[in-house]
Amino acid sequence: MSEIYKKIQGTLLSPCCFSDRPAMGNEVDTLDYIPGSAVRGILANAFLNNGNDANEDFRNIFCSDSICFPNLYPQHRDSDSQTYPIPLSIYTCKTKPGFINEPNTHGARDMLFENFDGSNDRRCEVDSDCGYAPLVPIKGFYNGNSQRPKQYIPDKLIITRTAVNSISNSALEASLHSQQELPEGSRLQGVISLKDDDLYIKLIEGLGSEELVVYAGRRRMGKIELNLSENAVKPNSEFLDIPKEEGFMFFTLTLLSDAIVMDELLRPVITLTPTIMKDRQIGFPEDVDITIVKAFCGKRIISGWHSVAKIFKPDDLAIIKGSTFLMRIEEKHKDMVKKWMEEILCTGIGLRRSEGFGQISISANIHIMGSRGDAL
């Protein structure tokens, strides 16, 4: 059964808020992307509103990990390419931050390979204009073009509203609040991955069309146009060309979304280890020795709202998107590991994969350039 990758593209027809935590006080923040849990809920609601029942097909599509509904990340206003979270291992000059092909910047370095070329100094070495400033992580998203990477931080609006008096239907005195929202016209994109073509056909038939307009976001006050008609490019799965140790091969595993991973005692973990890699949540071949050479990772609490049950979801601890791991295996096992790579790129890792958690890339092009010592 072959892997299937389909683009899902969204355009906001009105400002929209996707909060990642319960509202506290009189301010509500928004994520800078549409989370996969919201995408799954949007499509599940559209599926039922099209006259379908919550039957076995519905459960196979939306209530299992058969289909991975992705986070929709914002696209740059001047580009149609897919954007990705910038890996946490990419550092830039603190004084003149940004990738090298952007104006007035000192470029970036992939610190995942800092020891492979003998250097270990986290300071800018371009020139003395910045006073050899320290290197800091570069935040946001990039355009996915490893030859000409560009940083992108999406715009956000702050909308001020007042509560409504339920008796007079007028503004409620002393009840002003503000809410962050993604602006109207924002374009977002992600990739649905699955292994069963029949299941995808049933999804489209249940939705009634590959193009639909839906309401979503906090209190369903946002309006989004979705398009599921285009195929996506199959992701790369290859090893890095690092001539460091004879008889060994290297690859990177980078999280494209937050990943919820548990150990054998069902405790959440905040990094990957050889033992965790061989757990069934990730499924790395048990007969292959693997070493985590270096890791750049972080953690955050995942909150959520169950719109059907009308209750808050239990909090989960996740490894954040952009976390990057450099891994080493023996060369004699490369065919076995290559097969695992192709499998895991489609299914993802960890728990709640149908909600967009645990999506990964293997040896992303930006890391391939970094491993060669190229300027980013």
Protein backbone atom coordinates (compact mmCIF):
# COMPACT_ATOMS: atom_id res chain seq x y z
CA MET A 1 0.00 0.00 0.00
CA SER A 2 1.64 3.25 -1.17
CA GLU A 3 1.77 6.55 0.69
CA ILE A 4 -0.59 9.31 -0.47
CA TYR A 5 0.03 13.03 0.03
CA LYS A 6 -2.61 15.69 -0.71
CA LYS A 7 -2.38 19.45 -0.31
CA ILE A 8 -4.95 21.27 1.75
CA GLN A 9 -4.98 25.01 1.09
CA GLY A 10 -6.93 27.59 3.05
CA THR A 11 -7.75 31.25 2.57
CA LEU A 12 -9.25 33.30 5.38
CA LEU A 13 -12.35 35.16 4.19
CA SER A 14 -12.58 36.96 7.53
CA PRO A 15 -10.27 37.46 10.54
CA CYS A 16 -9.99 34.29 12.61
CA CYS A 17 -8.69 33.34 16.08
CA PHE A 18 -7.26 29.93 16.99
CA SER A 19 -6.40 30.11 20.68
CA ASP A 20 -4.05 27.52 22.17
CA ARG A 21 -5.21 27.94 25.78
CA PRO A 22 -8.33 28.94 27.74
CA ALA A 23 -9.00 32.68 27.77
CA MET A 24 -7.59 34.34 30.88
CA GLY A 25 -8.51 37.89 31.81
CA ASN A 26 -9.53 40.18 28.99
CA GLU A 27 -6.94 39.14 26.38
CA VAL A 28 -7.10 36.21 23.96
CA ASP A 29 -4.04 35.20 21.90
CA THR A 30 -4.05 33.26 18.66
CA LEU A 31 -1.67 30.75 17.16
CA ASP A 32 0.02 31.89 13.94
CA TYR A 33 -1.29 28.80 12.13
CA ILE A 34 -4.42 26.63 12.03
CA PRO A 35 -3.81 23.53 14.19
CA GLY A 36 -4.50 20.08 12.79
CA SER A 37 -7.10 19.42 15.51
CA ALA A 38 -9.11 22.38 14.16
CA VAL A 39 -8.68 21.16 10.56
CA ARG A 40 -9.99 17.72 11.54
CA GLY A 41 -12.94 19.27 13.39
CA ILE A 42 -13.76 21.60 10.49
CA LEU A 43 -13.83 18.74 7.99
CA ALA A 44 -15.71 16.40 10.34
CA ASN A 45 -18.41 19.04 10.84
CA ALA A 46 -18.66 19.64 7.09
CA PHE A 47 -18.88 15.86 6.54
CA LEU A 48 -21.85 15.56 8.92
CA ASN A 49 -23.54 18.72 7.64
CA ASN A 50 -23.50 17.21 4.15
CA GLY A 51 -26.06 14.63 5.24
CA ASN A 52 -23.73 11.86 6.39
CA ASP A 53 -24.00 9.85 9.59
CA ALA A 54 -21.30 9.17 12.16
CA ASN A 55 -20.93 5.67 10.72
CA GLU A 56 -17.95 3.36 10.31
CA ASP A 57 -16.55 5.43 7.42
CA PHE A 58 -16.74 8.56 9.58
CA ARG A 59 -14.93 6.82 12.43
CA ASN A 60 -12.22 5.46 10.10
CA ILE A 61 -11.64 8.92 8.62
CA PHE A 62 -11.82 11.15 11.67
CA CYS A 63 -11.53 8.97 14.80
CA SER A 64 -8.45 6.90 13.97
CA ASP A 65 -4.91 7.70 12.86
CA SER A 66 -5.59 6.45 9.32
CA ILE A 67 -5.50 10.03 8.01
CA CYS A 68 -3.12 12.66 9.39
CA PHE A 69 -4.80 16.08 9.18
CA PRO A 70 -1.99 18.66 9.19
CA ASN A 71 -1.36 22.03 10.71
CA LEU A 72 -1.96 24.71 8.10
CA TYR A 73 1.04 27.03 8.13
CA PRO A 74 0.89 30.58 6.72
CA GLN A 75 2.23 31.20 3.24
CA HIS A 76 4.23 34.29 2.39
CA ARG A 77 2.11 36.85 0.58
CA ASP A 78 4.52 36.82 -2.40
CA SER A 79 4.96 33.04 -2.71
CA ASP A 80 2.86 29.94 -3.32
CA SER A 81 5.40 27.55 -1.79
CA GLN A 82 4.77 25.52 1.36
CA THR A 83 6.24 27.06 4.50
CA TYR A 84 7.78 25.10 7.37
CA PRO A 85 8.78 25.89 10.96
CA ILE A 86 12.41 26.97 11.12
CA PRO A 87 14.41 24.18 12.83
CA LEU A 88 15.61 25.06 16.31
CA SER A 89 19.19 24.31 15.26
CA ILE A 90 19.27 27.27 12.84
CA TYR A 91 21.01 30.22 14.52
CA THR A 92 21.59 33.75 13.24
CA CYS A 93 23.41 36.93 14.24
CA LYS A 94 21.68 38.69 17.13
CA THR A 95 22.44 42.14 15.72
CA LYS A 96 21.67 41.47 12.04
CA PRO A 97 19.31 38.47 12.05
CA GLY A 98 17.97 36.67 8.99
CA PHE A 99 18.98 34.35 6.18
CA ILE A 100 21.91 35.32 3.97
CA ASN A 101 19.88 36.29 0.88
CA GLU A 102 17.74 38.76 2.84
CA PRO A 103 18.81 42.42 2.97
CA ASN A 104 21.04 43.72 5.76
CA THR A 105 21.55 40.36 7.46
CA HIS A 106 24.55 38.24 8.37
CA GLY A 107 22.94 34.94 7.42
CA ALA A 108 22.41 31.82 9.51
CA ARG A 109 24.21 28.62 10.51
CA ASP A 110 22.97 25.13 11.24
CA MET A 111 24.41 24.47 14.70
CA LEU A 112 23.50 20.79 14.40
CA PHE A 113 26.84 20.35 12.63
CA GLU A 114 28.98 22.83 14.57
CA ASN A 115 31.35 20.16 15.91
CA PHE A 116 31.73 18.37 12.60
CA ASP A 117 33.84 21.17 11.12
CA GLY A 118 35.83 21.66 14.31
CA SER A 119 34.15 24.93 15.30
CA ASN A 120 32.17 25.49 18.45
CA ASP A 121 31.96 29.27 18.72
CA ARG A 122 28.42 30.60 18.77
CA ARG A 123 29.35 34.06 17.58
CA CYS A 124 28.85 35.81 14.27
CA GLU A 125 31.98 35.66 12.12
CA VAL A 126 30.79 37.57 9.05
CA ASP A 127 32.42 40.92 9.86
CA SER A 128 32.97 43.32 12.75
CA ASP A 129 29.91 45.49 11.96
CA CYS A 130 27.93 43.62 14.59
CA GLY A 131 30.80 43.41 17.07
CA TYR A 132 30.91 39.64 16.60
CA ALA A 133 27.51 39.37 18.22
CA PRO A 134 26.32 36.08 19.71
CA LEU A 135 24.23 33.74 17.59
CA VAL A 136 20.59 33.22 18.60
CA PRO A 137 17.84 30.92 17.27
CA ILE A 138 15.97 32.32 14.27
CA LYS A 139 12.22 32.15 14.85
CA GLY A 140 9.13 31.81 12.70
CA PHE A 141 8.71 29.99 9.39
CA TYR A 142 10.75 29.73 6.21
CA ASN A 143 9.71 29.30 2.61
CA GLY A 144 11.01 25.75 2.20
CA ASN A 145 13.56 26.82 -0.43
CA SER A 146 16.94 25.60 0.81
CA GLN A 147 18.78 27.52 -1.95
CA ARG A 148 17.16 30.86 -1.07
CA PRO A 149 15.55 30.48 2.37
CA LYS A 150 13.50 33.43 3.61
CA GLN A 151 12.14 33.99 7.08
CA TYR A 152 8.42 34.65 7.44
CA ILE A 153 6.59 35.83 10.55
CA PRO A 154 2.84 36.09 9.86
CA ASP A 155 0.86 39.22 10.59
CA LYS A 156 -1.71 39.34 13.38
CA LEU A 157 -4.52 41.74 14.21
CA ILE A 158 -5.71 42.88 17.63
CA ILE A 159 -9.49 43.27 17.65
CA THR A 160 -11.16 45.07 20.56
CA ARG A 161 -14.66 43.98 21.48
CA THR A 162 -17.17 44.45 24.26
CA ALA A 163 -19.41 41.83 25.84
CA VAL A 164 -23.16 42.08 25.20
CA ASN A 165 -25.72 42.61 27.92
CA SER A 166 -28.15 39.68 27.58
CA ILE A 167 -31.09 41.76 28.83
CA SER A 168 -30.71 44.94 26.79
CA ASN A 169 -28.68 43.47 23.90
CA SER A 170 -26.38 46.47 24.21
CA ALA A 171 -22.74 46.79 25.19
CA LEU A 172 -22.04 45.49 28.67
CA GLU A 173 -20.49 48.18 30.85
CA ALA A 174 -16.86 47.64 31.97
CA SER A 175 -16.49 44.46 29.94
CA LEU A 176 -14.03 45.34 27.20
CA HIS A 177 -11.68 42.65 25.89
CA SER A 178 -9.15 42.27 23.05
CA GLN A 179 -8.50 39.29 20.81
CA GLN A 180 -5.63 38.46 18.48
CA GLU A 181 -6.68 37.22 15.05
CA LEU A 182 -5.12 36.14 11.78
CA PRO A 183 -6.08 38.76 9.18
CA GLU A 184 -8.51 38.34 6.32
CA GLY A 185 -6.80 37.18 3.12
CA SER A 186 -4.19 35.07 4.93
CA ARG A 187 -3.24 31.98 2.90
CA LEU A 188 -2.30 28.75 4.66
CA GLN A 189 -1.24 25.33 3.48
CA GLY A 190 -0.52 21.82 4.76
CA VAL A 191 -0.26 18.23 3.53
CA ILE A 192 -2.70 15.43 4.37
CA SER A 193 -0.95 12.05 4.51
CA LEU A 194 -2.52 8.59 4.44
CA LYS A 195 -2.04 5.11 3.01
CA ASP A 196 -5.55 4.21 1.86
CA ASP A 197 -6.68 5.89 -1.36
CA ASP A 198 -10.23 4.55 -0.86
CA LEU A 199 -10.43 6.38 2.47
CA TYR A 200 -9.50 9.68 0.83
CA ILE A 201 -12.14 9.12 -1.86
CA LYS A 202 -14.73 8.52 0.87
CA LEU A 203 -13.63 11.75 2.58
CA ILE A 204 -14.14 13.82 -0.58
CA GLU A 205 -17.45 12.10 -1.35
CA GLY A 206 -18.63 12.80 2.19
CA LEU A 207 -17.64 16.47 1.93
CA GLY A 208 -19.42 16.73 -1.42
CA SER A 209 -16.60 18.71 -3.04
CA GLU A 210 -12.86 19.31 -2.95
CA GLU A 211 -13.62 23.01 -2.45
CA LEU A 212 -15.71 24.27 0.46
CA VAL A 213 -16.33 27.33 2.60
CA VAL A 214 -16.62 26.73 6.36
CA TYR A 215 -16.82 28.62 9.63
CA ALA A 216 -14.06 27.97 12.17
CA GLY A 217 -11.93 29.44 14.91
CA ARG A 218 -12.91 30.71 18.33
CA ARG A 219 -16.71 30.65 18.62
CA ARG A 220 -16.77 29.79 14.89
CA MET A 221 -16.50 33.50 14.04
CA GLY A 222 -13.98 32.99 11.22
CA LYS A 223 -14.76 32.06 7.62
CA ILE A 224 -12.33 29.93 5.61
CA GLU A 225 -12.22 28.68 2.03
CA LEU A 226 -10.56 25.24 1.76
CA ASN A 227 -9.24 23.44 -1.32
CA LEU A 228 -8.20 19.77 -1.29
CA SER A 229 -7.81 19.21 -5.03
CA GLU A 230 -4.01 19.20 -5.52
CA ASN A 231 -1.48 16.42 -5.04
CA ALA A 232 1.55 17.11 -2.86
CA VAL A 233 5.14 16.15 -3.53
CA LYS A 234 6.32 13.04 -1.70
CA PRO A 235 8.84 14.12 0.98
CA ASN A 236 12.50 13.19 0.73
CA SER A 237 13.98 10.38 2.81
CA GLU A 238 17.74 10.25 2.49
CA PHE A 239 20.96 10.19 4.46
CA LEU A 240 23.39 13.05 4.93
CA ASP A 241 26.77 13.09 3.25
CA ILE A 242 28.96 13.52 6.35
CA PRO A 243 32.34 11.80 5.90
CA LYS A 244 33.04 11.81 9.62
CA GLU A 245 33.07 8.18 10.71
CA GLU A 246 33.69 5.29 8.35
CA GLY A 247 31.02 2.62 8.46
CA PHE A 248 28.33 4.95 9.81
CA MET A 249 25.56 7.01 8.21
CA PHE A 250 23.74 10.08 9.52
CA PHE A 251 20.29 11.58 9.09
CA THR A 252 18.21 14.27 10.76
CA LEU A 253 14.70 14.00 12.14
CA THR A 254 12.93 17.36 12.39
CA LEU A 255 9.46 17.90 13.84
CA LEU A 256 7.15 19.79 11.49
CA SER A 257 4.54 19.93 14.24
CA ASP A 258 4.43 19.42 17.99
CA ALA A 259 4.79 15.73 18.96
CA ILE A 260 3.20 14.03 21.98
CA VAL A 261 5.43 11.07 22.87
CA MET A 262 5.20 8.79 25.92
CA ASP A 263 7.70 6.42 27.52
CA GLU A 264 6.95 2.82 28.55
CA LEU A 265 5.36 4.08 31.80
CA LEU A 266 3.04 6.43 29.86
CA ARG A 267 4.94 9.51 31.03
CA PRO A 268 5.38 12.33 28.50
CA VAL A 269 8.93 12.83 27.24
CA ILE A 270 10.55 16.05 26.06
CA THR A 271 13.29 14.54 23.87
CA LEU A 272 13.94 11.40 21.86
CA THR A 273 16.22 8.58 23.01
CA PRO A 274 17.19 5.25 21.39
CA THR A 275 14.69 3.48 23.67
CA ILE A 276 11.88 5.87 22.72
CA MET A 277 12.79 5.56 19.04
CA LYS A 278 12.20 1.80 19.17
CA ASP A 279 8.86 2.12 20.93
CA ARG A 280 5.80 1.38 18.77
CA GLN A 281 4.90 5.10 18.72
CA ILE A 282 7.88 5.61 16.39
CA GLY A 283 8.69 2.07 15.32
CA PHE A 284 12.41 2.31 14.58
CA PRO A 285 13.81 -1.18 13.75
CA GLU A 286 14.70 -2.96 17.01
CA ASP A 287 17.70 -4.76 15.49
CA VAL A 288 19.40 -1.51 14.49
CA ASP A 289 21.59 0.42 16.93
CA ILE A 290 20.89 4.15 16.78
CA THR A 291 22.73 7.02 18.44
CA ILE A 292 21.31 10.50 19.04
CA VAL A 293 24.41 12.56 18.25
CA LYS A 294 22.91 15.96 18.95
CA ALA A 295 19.50 17.45 19.66
CA PHE A 296 17.91 20.88 19.71
CA CYS A 297 14.46 20.60 21.26
CA GLY A 298 11.93 22.31 23.49
CA LYS A 299 8.59 21.62 25.13
CA ARG A 300 5.17 23.16 25.63
CA ILE A 301 1.79 22.37 27.15
CA ILE A 302 -0.97 21.48 24.67
CA SER A 303 -4.46 22.59 25.71
CA GLY A 304 -7.67 22.12 23.77
CA TRP A 305 -11.45 22.27 23.69
CA HIS A 306 -13.67 19.30 22.82
CA SER A 307 -16.45 20.96 20.82
CA VAL A 308 -18.74 17.90 20.91
CA ALA A 309 -18.46 17.10 24.61
CA LYS A 310 -18.21 20.84 25.48
CA ILE A 311 -15.30 20.25 27.87
CA PHE A 312 -11.61 21.07 27.95
CA LYS A 313 -9.29 18.33 26.74
CA PRO A 314 -6.67 17.09 29.23
CA ASP A 315 -3.40 18.98 28.91
CA ASP A 316 -0.57 17.16 27.12
CA LEU A 317 3.17 17.86 27.26
CA ALA A 318 4.68 17.97 23.77
CA ILE A 319 8.06 18.32 22.08
CA ILE A 320 7.68 21.54 20.09
CA LYS A 321 7.72 21.88 16.32
CA GLY A 322 11.15 22.67 14.89
CA SER A 323 12.91 20.32 17.32
CA THR A 324 15.76 18.64 15.46
CA PHE A 325 17.75 15.47 16.11
CA LEU A 326 20.95 14.29 14.40
CA MET A 327 21.08 10.49 14.36
CA ARG A 328 23.71 7.89 13.48
CA ILE A 329 23.36 4.27 12.38
CA GLU A 330 25.69 1.62 11.00
CA GLU A 331 25.93 1.70 7.22
CA LYS A 332 25.03 -2.00 6.88
CA HIS A 333 21.50 -1.24 8.13
CA LYS A 334 20.76 1.60 5.70
CA ASP A 335 18.19 -0.33 3.60
CA MET A 336 16.18 -1.29 6.68
CA VAL A 337 16.27 2.28 7.99
CA LYS A 338 15.37 3.69 4.57
CA LYS A 339 12.19 1.59 4.58
CA TRP A 340 11.34 2.88 8.07
CA MET A 341 11.87 6.47 6.90
CA GLU A 342 9.33 6.14 4.08
CA GLU A 343 6.81 4.65 6.50
CA ILE A 344 7.21 7.20 9.28
CA LEU A 345 7.09 10.22 6.96
CA CYS A 346 3.51 9.25 6.12
CA THR A 347 2.27 8.14 9.53
CA GLY A 348 4.13 10.54 11.83
CA ILE A 349 5.20 9.77 15.40
CA GLY A 350 3.63 9.77 18.84
CA LEU A 351 0.01 10.25 19.86
CA ARG A 352 -2.92 12.20 18.32
CA ARG A 353 -1.42 12.01 14.84
CA SER A 354 -4.82 12.48 13.19
CA GLU A 355 -4.84 15.98 14.75
CA GLY A 356 -1.58 16.97 13.06
CA PHE A 357 0.76 16.10 15.92
CA GLY A 358 4.00 14.25 15.22
CA GLN A 359 4.57 15.20 11.58
CA ILE A 360 8.25 15.00 10.66
CA SER A 361 10.81 15.51 7.92
CA ILE A 362 13.91 13.38 7.34
CA SER A 363 17.14 15.12 6.31
CA ALA A 364 15.37 18.29 5.22
CA ASN A 365 17.12 20.23 2.46
CA ILE A 366 18.05 23.03 4.86
CA HIS A 367 19.98 20.47 6.97
CA ILE A 368 21.62 19.01 3.87
CA MET A 369 22.99 22.48 3.08
CA GLY A 370 24.02 22.94 6.70
CA SER A 371 25.88 19.62 6.72
CA ARG A 372 27.94 20.83 3.73
CA GLY A 373 28.90 23.99 5.58
CA ASP A 374 26.91 26.18 3.17
CA ALA A 375 25.76 29.59 4.37
CA LEU A 376 22.03 29.81 4.97
